[in-house]
Protein backbone atom coordinates (compact mmCIF):
# COMPACT_ATOMS: atom_id res chain seq x y z
CA MET A 1 9.45 152.23 57.00
CA LEU A 2 11.23 149.95 59.46
CA MET A 3 13.61 150.85 62.25
CA THR A 4 16.53 148.75 63.44
CA SER A 5 19.08 149.20 66.19
CA PRO A 6 22.36 147.29 65.70
CA ARG A 7 24.04 145.64 68.66
CA MET A 8 27.08 147.76 69.60
CA THR A 9 30.02 146.43 71.61
CA THR A 10 32.06 148.34 74.19
CA ALA A 11 35.77 148.30 74.85
CA GLN A 12 35.24 145.80 77.66
CA GLU A 13 33.42 143.36 75.40
CA LYS A 14 34.95 140.91 72.96
CA GLN A 15 33.02 139.89 69.87
CA TYR A 16 33.32 136.52 68.11
CA PRO A 17 31.96 136.15 64.55
CA PRO A 18 30.20 132.99 63.33
CA SER A 19 32.55 130.15 62.41
CA LEU A 20 32.29 126.76 60.76
CA LEU A 21 32.21 123.98 63.35
CA SER A 22 31.68 121.02 61.03
CA PHE A 23 30.58 120.01 57.57
CA PHE A 24 29.75 116.44 56.62
CA ILE A 25 28.02 114.30 54.01
CA TYR A 26 26.32 111.02 54.80
CA ASN A 27 23.96 108.44 53.36
CA PRO A 28 21.90 106.46 55.92
CA LYS A 29 21.54 103.54 53.49
CA PHE A 30 25.27 102.79 53.54
CA GLY A 31 25.36 101.71 57.20
CA PRO A 32 21.92 100.46 58.18
CA ARG A 33 23.04 97.92 60.78
CA GLU A 34 24.50 98.46 64.24
CA GLY A 35 28.28 98.60 64.15
CA GLU A 36 28.32 99.90 60.55
CA GLU A 37 27.49 103.53 61.35
CA GLU A 38 30.85 104.81 60.12
CA LYS A 39 30.06 103.55 56.61
CA LYS A 40 27.36 106.21 56.34
CA ILE A 41 29.93 109.01 56.46
CA LEU A 42 31.28 110.01 53.05
CA PHE A 43 33.07 113.14 54.21
CA TYR A 44 33.65 114.89 57.51
CA HIS A 45 35.35 118.21 58.26
CA PRO A 46 37.36 118.73 60.36
CA SER A 47 39.03 115.45 59.52
CA ASP A 48 40.81 115.05 62.88
CA VAL A 49 37.57 114.63 64.84
CA ASP A 50 37.31 111.38 66.80
CA LYS A 51 35.45 108.61 64.98
CA ASN A 52 32.87 108.17 67.72
CA GLU A 53 32.10 111.89 67.74
CA LYS A 54 31.57 111.81 63.99
CA ILE A 55 29.15 108.91 64.36
CA ARG A 56 27.27 110.67 67.18
CA ASN A 57 26.92 113.92 65.22
CA VAL A 58 25.74 112.14 62.07
CA GLY A 59 23.33 110.02 64.09
CA LEU A 60 21.85 113.10 65.76
CA CYS A 61 21.25 114.79 62.40
CA GLU A 62 19.72 111.61 61.02
CA ALA A 63 17.35 111.47 63.99
CA ILE A 64 16.36 115.12 63.57
CA VAL A 65 15.58 114.61 59.89
CA GLN A 66 13.53 111.50 60.54
CA PHE A 67 11.64 113.21 63.38
CA THR A 68 10.66 116.20 61.25
CA ARG A 69 9.45 113.88 58.48
CA THR A 70 6.65 112.74 60.79
CA PHE A 71 5.15 116.25 60.51
CA CYS A 72 5.80 116.77 56.79
CA PRO A 73 7.16 113.76 54.85
CA THR A 74 7.87 115.79 51.72
CA LYS A 75 9.67 118.67 53.47
CA PRO A 76 12.22 117.54 56.06
CA ALA A 77 14.20 119.86 58.32
CA LYS A 78 16.22 122.67 56.73
CA SER A 79 17.84 124.02 59.91
CA LEU A 80 18.02 123.53 63.65
CA HIS A 81 18.48 126.53 65.99
CA THR A 82 20.19 126.17 69.36
CA GLN A 83 21.69 128.70 71.72
CA LYS A 84 25.30 128.13 70.67
CA ASN A 85 25.05 127.04 67.05
CA ARG A 86 22.86 126.44 64.06
CA GLN A 87 22.72 123.35 61.86
CA PHE A 88 21.77 123.43 58.18
CA PHE A 89 20.51 120.33 56.34
CA HIS A 90 20.35 119.80 52.60
CA GLU A 91 19.28 116.60 50.87
CA ALA A 92 21.32 117.11 47.70
CA GLU A 93 20.08 113.84 46.18
CA GLU A 94 17.85 111.12 47.51
CA ASN A 95 19.38 109.85 50.79
CA PHE A 96 22.51 111.98 50.30
CA TRP A 97 22.58 114.56 53.10
CA MET A 98 24.90 117.53 53.45
CA VAL A 99 25.09 119.13 56.90
CA MET A 100 26.81 122.36 57.93
CA VAL A 101 27.12 123.41 61.58
CA VAL A 102 27.90 127.08 62.27
CA SER A 103 28.53 128.70 65.65
CA ASN A 104 26.33 131.64 66.54
CA PRO A 105 28.16 134.97 66.87
CA MET A 106 28.96 135.66 70.49
CA ILE A 107 29.87 138.62 72.69
CA GLU A 108 31.87 138.13 75.88
CA LYS A 109 30.71 140.57 78.52
CA LEU A 110 32.85 141.59 81.46
CA ASN A 111 30.99 141.35 84.77
CA LYS A 112 31.65 143.58 87.75
CA ASP A 113 33.61 140.78 89.44
CA GLY A 114 35.93 140.53 86.42
CA THR A 115 34.54 137.31 84.99
CA ARG A 116 33.51 137.02 81.35
CA VAL A 117 30.02 135.86 80.47
CA PRO A 118 29.11 134.75 76.90
CA GLU A 119 26.06 136.25 75.23
CA TYR A 120 25.08 134.37 72.07
CA GLN A 121 23.51 136.37 69.22
CA GLU A 122 21.08 133.66 68.14
CA ASP A 123 19.15 135.81 65.69
CA GLU A 124 22.13 137.13 63.74
CA LEU A 125 22.42 134.19 61.32
CA LEU A 126 20.08 134.02 58.34
CA ASP A 127 18.84 130.62 57.24
CA THR A 128 18.46 131.81 53.65
CA VAL A 129 22.10 132.90 53.42
CA TYR A 130 23.74 129.85 54.94
CA GLY A 131 21.25 127.52 53.29
CA ALA A 132 22.32 129.01 49.96
CA VAL A 133 25.99 128.40 50.81
CA ILE A 134 25.48 124.70 51.39
CA GLN A 135 23.39 124.36 48.23
CA GLN A 136 26.04 126.19 46.21
CA CYS A 137 28.68 123.80 47.57
CA TYR A 138 26.76 120.93 46.05
CA CYS A 139 26.27 122.76 42.75
CA MET A 140 30.03 123.33 42.51
CA TYR A 141 30.72 119.68 43.24
CA LYS A 142 28.15 118.50 40.69
CA LEU A 143 29.59 120.78 37.99
CA PHE A 144 33.04 119.18 38.20
CA ASN A 145 32.16 115.66 39.31
CA GLY A 146 28.61 114.88 38.24
CA THR A 147 25.96 113.64 40.63
CA PHE A 148 26.58 111.39 43.61
CA ALA A 149 24.36 108.74 42.07
CA LYS A 150 26.34 108.64 38.82
CA SER A 151 29.66 108.23 40.64
CA LEU A 152 28.13 105.50 42.78
CA GLU A 153 26.87 103.75 39.66
CA ALA A 154 30.25 104.09 37.92
CA GLY A 155 32.54 102.80 40.66
CA GLY A 156 30.71 101.97 43.86
CA VAL A 157 30.84 103.59 47.29
CA GLU A 158 34.65 103.70 47.48
CA HIS A 159 34.89 105.56 44.16
CA LEU A 160 32.18 108.01 45.24
CA GLN A 161 33.87 108.64 48.57
CA GLN A 162 37.21 109.36 46.89
CA ARG A 163 35.65 111.96 44.60
CA ILE A 164 33.74 113.62 47.44
CA GLN A 165 36.74 113.74 49.74
CA LYS A 166 39.06 115.09 47.06
CA PHE A 167 36.71 117.94 46.19
CA PHE A 168 35.46 118.95 49.62
CA TYR A 169 38.84 118.61 51.30
CA ARG A 170 40.17 121.34 49.03
CA LEU A 171 37.05 123.43 49.55
CA TRP A 172 36.90 123.35 53.36
CA GLU A 173 40.33 122.36 54.62
CA GLY A 174 42.02 125.06 52.56
CA TYR A 175 40.26 127.99 54.24
CA GLU A 176 40.51 129.36 57.74
CA SER A 177 37.00 130.75 58.04
CA LEU A 178 33.48 130.39 56.74
CA SER A 179 33.64 133.89 55.23
CA GLU A 180 36.61 132.85 53.05
CA VAL A 181 34.60 129.96 51.63
CA ALA A 182 31.63 132.23 50.95
CA GLU A 183 33.90 134.74 49.18
CA GLU A 184 35.49 131.97 47.12
CA ILE A 185 32.08 130.68 46.07
CA TYR A 186 31.04 134.19 45.12
CA TRP A 187 34.16 135.08 43.13
CA ASN A 188 34.07 131.73 41.32
CA SER A 189 30.58 132.49 40.05
CA THR A 190 30.67 136.25 39.35
CA ARG A 191 33.58 138.60 38.57
CA ASP A 192 33.92 142.14 37.41
CA GLU A 193 34.47 141.74 33.67
CA ALA A 194 36.73 144.73 33.11
CA LEU A 195 39.14 143.83 35.89
CA HIS A 196 38.99 140.18 34.83
CA LEU A 197 40.02 141.10 31.29
CA CYS A 198 42.58 143.78 32.05
CA GLY A 199 43.78 143.03 35.55
CA GLU A 200 44.50 145.73 38.11
CA THR A 201 47.39 147.10 36.00
CA GLY A 202 46.34 146.17 32.49
CA GLU A 203 49.55 144.18 31.97
CA ALA A 204 49.64 141.71 29.08
CA THR A 205 50.40 138.03 29.51
CA LEU A 206 51.26 135.27 27.05
CA ILE A 207 48.78 133.18 25.12
CA LEU A 208 48.28 129.83 26.80
CA PHE A 209 45.88 127.06 27.75
CA LEU A 210 44.94 127.29 31.43
CA THR A 211 43.61 123.73 31.26
CA GLY A 212 45.17 120.87 29.34
CA PRO A 213 48.86 120.69 28.30
CA TYR A 214 50.98 123.72 29.19
CA ASP A 215 52.90 123.35 25.91
CA ILE A 216 50.82 122.28 22.91
CA ASN A 217 53.97 121.99 20.77
CA ASN A 218 55.53 119.34 22.99
CA PRO A 219 54.60 115.92 21.56
CA ASP A 220 55.60 114.15 24.80
CA LEU A 221 52.86 115.82 26.87
CA VAL A 222 49.52 114.07 27.35
CA VAL A 223 46.53 116.06 26.08
CA ARG A 224 43.97 115.88 28.86
CA PHE A 225 41.35 118.47 29.79
CA PRO A 226 39.09 118.54 32.87
CA ARG A 227 35.46 117.61 32.39
CA ILE A 228 32.33 119.28 33.64
CA PHE A 229 28.80 117.96 33.94
CA VAL A 230 25.75 119.99 32.91
CA ASN A 231 22.04 119.29 32.48
CA THR A 232 22.43 116.54 35.07
CA ASP A 233 18.71 116.56 35.83
CA THR A 234 17.80 115.68 32.25
CA THR A 235 20.36 114.53 29.66
CA TYR A 236 23.43 114.44 31.93
CA GLU A 237 25.81 116.06 29.46
CA GLU A 238 29.55 115.53 30.00
CA LEU A 239 31.88 118.08 28.40
CA HIS A 240 35.57 118.88 28.03
CA LEU A 241 36.46 122.24 29.58
CA ILE A 242 39.07 124.22 27.64
CA VAL A 243 40.11 127.48 29.29
CA TYR A 244 42.16 129.60 26.91
CA LYS A 245 43.92 132.86 27.79
CA ALA A 246 45.24 135.60 25.48
CA MET A 247 46.80 138.58 27.25
CA SER A 248 44.39 139.00 30.17
CA ALA A 249 41.29 137.81 28.35
CA VAL A 250 40.00 134.35 29.19
CA VAL A 251 37.52 132.33 27.15
CA CYS A 252 36.01 128.92 27.91
CA PHE A 253 35.14 126.27 25.32
CA LEU A 254 32.81 123.38 26.12
CA ILE A 255 33.20 120.35 23.84
CA ASN A 256 31.31 117.08 24.02
CA ALA A 257 33.28 114.50 26.00
CA SER A 258 32.90 111.96 23.20
CA VAL A 259 35.19 114.09 21.00
CA GLU A 260 38.85 113.13 21.23
CA LEU A 261 41.00 116.18 21.88
CA THR A 262 44.48 115.92 20.33
CA ARG A 263 47.55 118.12 20.24
CA GLU A 264 46.72 119.00 16.62
CA PHE A 265 43.24 120.13 17.70
CA CYS A 266 44.78 122.44 20.31
CA GLN A 267 47.17 123.89 17.74
CA ARG A 268 44.35 124.62 15.30
CA LEU A 269 42.29 126.24 18.05
CA ASP A 270 45.28 128.33 19.11
CA ASN A 271 45.90 129.52 15.55
CA LEU A 272 42.25 130.42 15.07
CA VAL A 273 41.40 132.07 18.38
CA GLY A 274 44.73 133.47 19.59
CA PRO A 275 45.15 136.42 17.18
CA GLN A 276 41.50 137.49 17.35
CA LEU A 277 41.23 137.25 21.13
CA THR A 278 44.52 139.13 21.57
CA LEU A 279 43.22 142.05 19.52
CA LEU A 280 39.90 142.04 21.37
CA ALA A 281 41.60 141.98 24.77
CA SER A 282 43.92 144.82 23.74
CA ASP A 283 40.99 146.98 22.63
CA ILE A 284 39.04 146.31 25.83
CA CYS A 285 42.04 147.09 28.05
CA GLU A 286 42.80 150.29 26.14
CA GLN A 287 39.23 151.49 26.51
CA PHE A 288 39.12 150.49 30.16
CA ASN A 289 42.35 152.36 30.98
CA THR A 290 41.15 155.42 29.04
CA ASN A 291 37.91 155.54 30.99
CA LYS A 292 39.81 155.05 34.23
CA ARG A 293 42.09 158.03 33.51
CA LEU A 294 39.14 160.27 32.59
CA SER A 295 37.08 159.31 35.61
CA ALA A 296 37.35 161.00 38.97
CA PRO A 297 39.78 159.59 41.58
CA GLU A 298 38.41 156.47 43.20
CA LYS A 299 36.71 157.19 46.49
CA GLU A 300 34.20 155.61 48.77
CA PRO A 301 30.73 156.22 47.24
CA HIS A 302 27.91 157.48 49.45
CA PHE A 303 25.83 154.53 48.29
CA LYS A 304 26.40 150.83 47.62
CA PHE A 305 24.11 148.48 45.78
CA ILE A 306 23.44 144.90 44.65
CA TYR A 307 21.36 144.13 41.58
CA PHE A 308 20.25 140.68 40.42
CA ASN A 309 18.01 139.52 37.58
CA HIS A 310 16.46 136.10 38.12
CA MET A 311 15.53 135.78 34.44
CA ASN A 312 19.03 135.95 32.92
CA LEU A 313 21.16 135.73 36.11
CA ALA A 314 22.69 139.15 35.41
CA GLU A 315 24.24 140.80 38.44
CA LYS A 316 25.89 144.10 39.28
CA THR A 317 27.33 145.14 42.63
CA THR A 318 29.54 147.66 44.36
CA ILE A 319 29.45 145.77 47.65
CA HIS A 320 31.59 142.86 46.44
CA MET A 321 34.17 145.01 44.67
CA ARG A 322 37.80 144.13 45.32
CA LYS A 323 40.02 146.07 47.69
CA THR A 324 42.14 148.91 46.33
CA ALA A 325 45.52 150.08 47.56
CA SER A 326 43.98 152.92 49.55
CA MET A 327 40.71 151.51 50.85
CA SER A 328 38.35 148.59 50.98
CA LEU A 329 35.20 149.02 48.92
CA THR A 330 33.75 145.81 50.36
CA SER A 331 33.32 147.08 53.92
CA VAL A 332 29.66 146.77 54.81
CA HIS A 333 28.76 146.39 58.47
CA THR A 334 27.36 143.01 59.42
CA ASP A 335 24.17 144.64 60.74
CA LEU A 336 23.52 146.15 57.31
CA MET A 337 24.22 142.82 55.62
CA LYS A 338 21.67 141.22 57.93
CA ILE A 339 19.10 143.84 56.91
CA LEU A 340 19.80 142.99 53.27
CA GLY A 341 19.23 139.33 54.06
CA ASP A 342 15.97 140.08 55.88
CA ILE A 343 14.67 142.09 52.93
CA ASN A 344 15.64 139.30 50.55
CA SER A 345 13.74 136.82 52.72
CA ASP A 346 10.65 139.05 52.57
CA PHE A 347 10.96 139.27 48.78
CA SER A 348 11.21 135.48 48.46
CA ARG A 349 7.84 135.13 50.20
CA ALA A 350 6.14 137.89 48.22
CA GLU A 351 4.48 137.09 44.92
CA GLU A 352 3.98 140.69 43.82
CA ASP A 353 6.43 143.54 43.23
CA GLU A 354 7.21 145.64 46.26
CA GLU A 355 9.58 148.10 47.89
CA ILE A 356 11.01 148.08 51.41
CA ILE A 357 12.86 150.97 53.08
CA VAL A 358 14.73 150.46 56.34
CA LYS A 359 16.25 153.17 58.55
CA ALA A 360 19.17 151.93 60.64
CA MET A 361 20.26 153.70 63.80
CA THR A 362 23.77 154.10 62.34
CA ASP A 363 22.70 156.87 59.90
CA TYR A 364 22.26 154.38 57.05
CA TRP A 365 19.22 153.77 54.90
CA VAL A 366 18.66 150.41 53.21
CA VAL A 367 16.29 150.21 50.25
CA GLY A 368 15.07 147.06 48.53
CA LYS A 369 13.13 147.01 45.26
CA LYS A 370 11.57 143.95 43.64
CA SER A 371 10.16 144.35 40.15
CA ASP A 372 9.46 141.76 37.47
CA GLN A 373 12.00 139.12 38.65
CA ARG A 374 14.60 141.85 39.25
CA GLU A 375 15.89 142.81 42.67
CA LEU A 376 17.84 145.90 43.70
CA TYR A 377 19.28 146.57 47.16
CA VAL A 378 20.78 149.97 48.00
CA ILE A 379 22.68 151.13 51.09
CA LEU A 380 22.73 154.92 51.49
CA SER A 381 24.83 156.93 53.91
CA GLN A 382 22.49 159.87 54.49
CA LYS A 383 22.64 161.09 58.07
CA ASN A 384 19.88 163.71 58.04
CA ALA A 385 17.87 162.55 55.03
CA ASN A 386 14.15 161.92 55.14
CA LEU A 387 12.11 159.29 53.34
CA ILE A 388 11.42 161.52 50.31
CA GLU A 389 15.10 162.42 49.89
CA VAL A 390 16.15 158.80 50.12
CA ASN A 391 13.60 157.87 47.48
CA GLU A 392 14.97 160.59 45.18
CA GLU A 393 18.53 159.35 45.63
CA VAL A 394 17.50 155.82 44.69
CA LYS A 395 15.73 157.17 41.60
CA LYS A 396 18.93 158.95 40.56
CA LEU A 397 20.89 155.72 41.04
CA CYS A 398 18.41 153.78 38.92
CA ALA A 399 18.61 156.43 36.19
CA THR A 400 22.43 156.41 36.04
CA GLN A 401 23.20 152.74 36.67
CA PHE A 402 20.06 151.05 35.31
CA SER A 403 18.75 153.43 32.64
CA ASN A 404 17.08 150.68 30.61
CA ILE A 405 15.61 148.76 33.54
CA PHE A 406 12.19 149.43 35.03
CA PHE A 407 11.77 149.59 38.78
CA LEU A 408 8.91 150.57 41.01
CA ASP A 409 8.59 154.32 41.58
């Protein structure tokens, strides 16, 4: 059992959360000679930074990477810790580097003479969490644009730069904070299926194509669907992405890019799928609303959990649930989230199944279970509970929420 004491702030202290300072992509091969350094930079956020500062920051990261290669040529630097910020490095493809710089959280203390002194919380950021964010950014880009190398091969550096800037400008420039980007990445990859199908109110909407022409009966509209790229490490498969909606149900079709999609094709697909998907969505929404009426009024549970299966990528969570009209079910203190991250880091280094129980000083217990490629993290609000009682509560949770899944006892 571990003990942890979260850092508490007083009324005279002001706390600043971590924030994104910069994000950039560069390739050292594109500007090898002196005076051509700017050619290395494929994207830089924020865009209004002075050119010379961009070059200096990219050059510093390039030097750090090259320096660390002298110690381990096959494993260059992943992060650099300083008092005020932390830099994360990711070589997405050979010679294509993505760098994210995040400020450390900081507390401004008020001295006796009235002056404010910054105290940087250097240990509050987790490399595994922010490293995963930068890797997921690349995965999202690759899904909709293909690899950097393929774009370079197709149209040269200028074409590659245009694609990178178009995608990452919308990703970074459109959000005010790093947490918004993380939430967007999360909700783009996993959503609660019932709410996704029925919506918050269960209201029906029209049948339509969310990608492609908005009116498949209009012969003047061009039939064009976005493309996605999968299996890029092997066959490099390019596919049309058709997103079709009936009521509040959404289904995606992936069709080989070599197939020509016409207005007649869309009409046939609409006639085939529309009626069946509408009935299915109606049945799901009816069942969902029935269960909602029969269930107890929504309230803050005394436990929250995250479950993930590495084998089939299944996930289940009550931590990332959406906000309701009366309360936020996503509110988990940053100290508890850090404990979750620490446990996850321990699990990533462990080859065998294990269990970790942490007692926080804020009357919370945090339990992590790793069993056969499955991971479960539970946050319990049990002020006077002991270790045995906490273990029993987790067993009850596993029995009710994961009845067909084995976990360590």
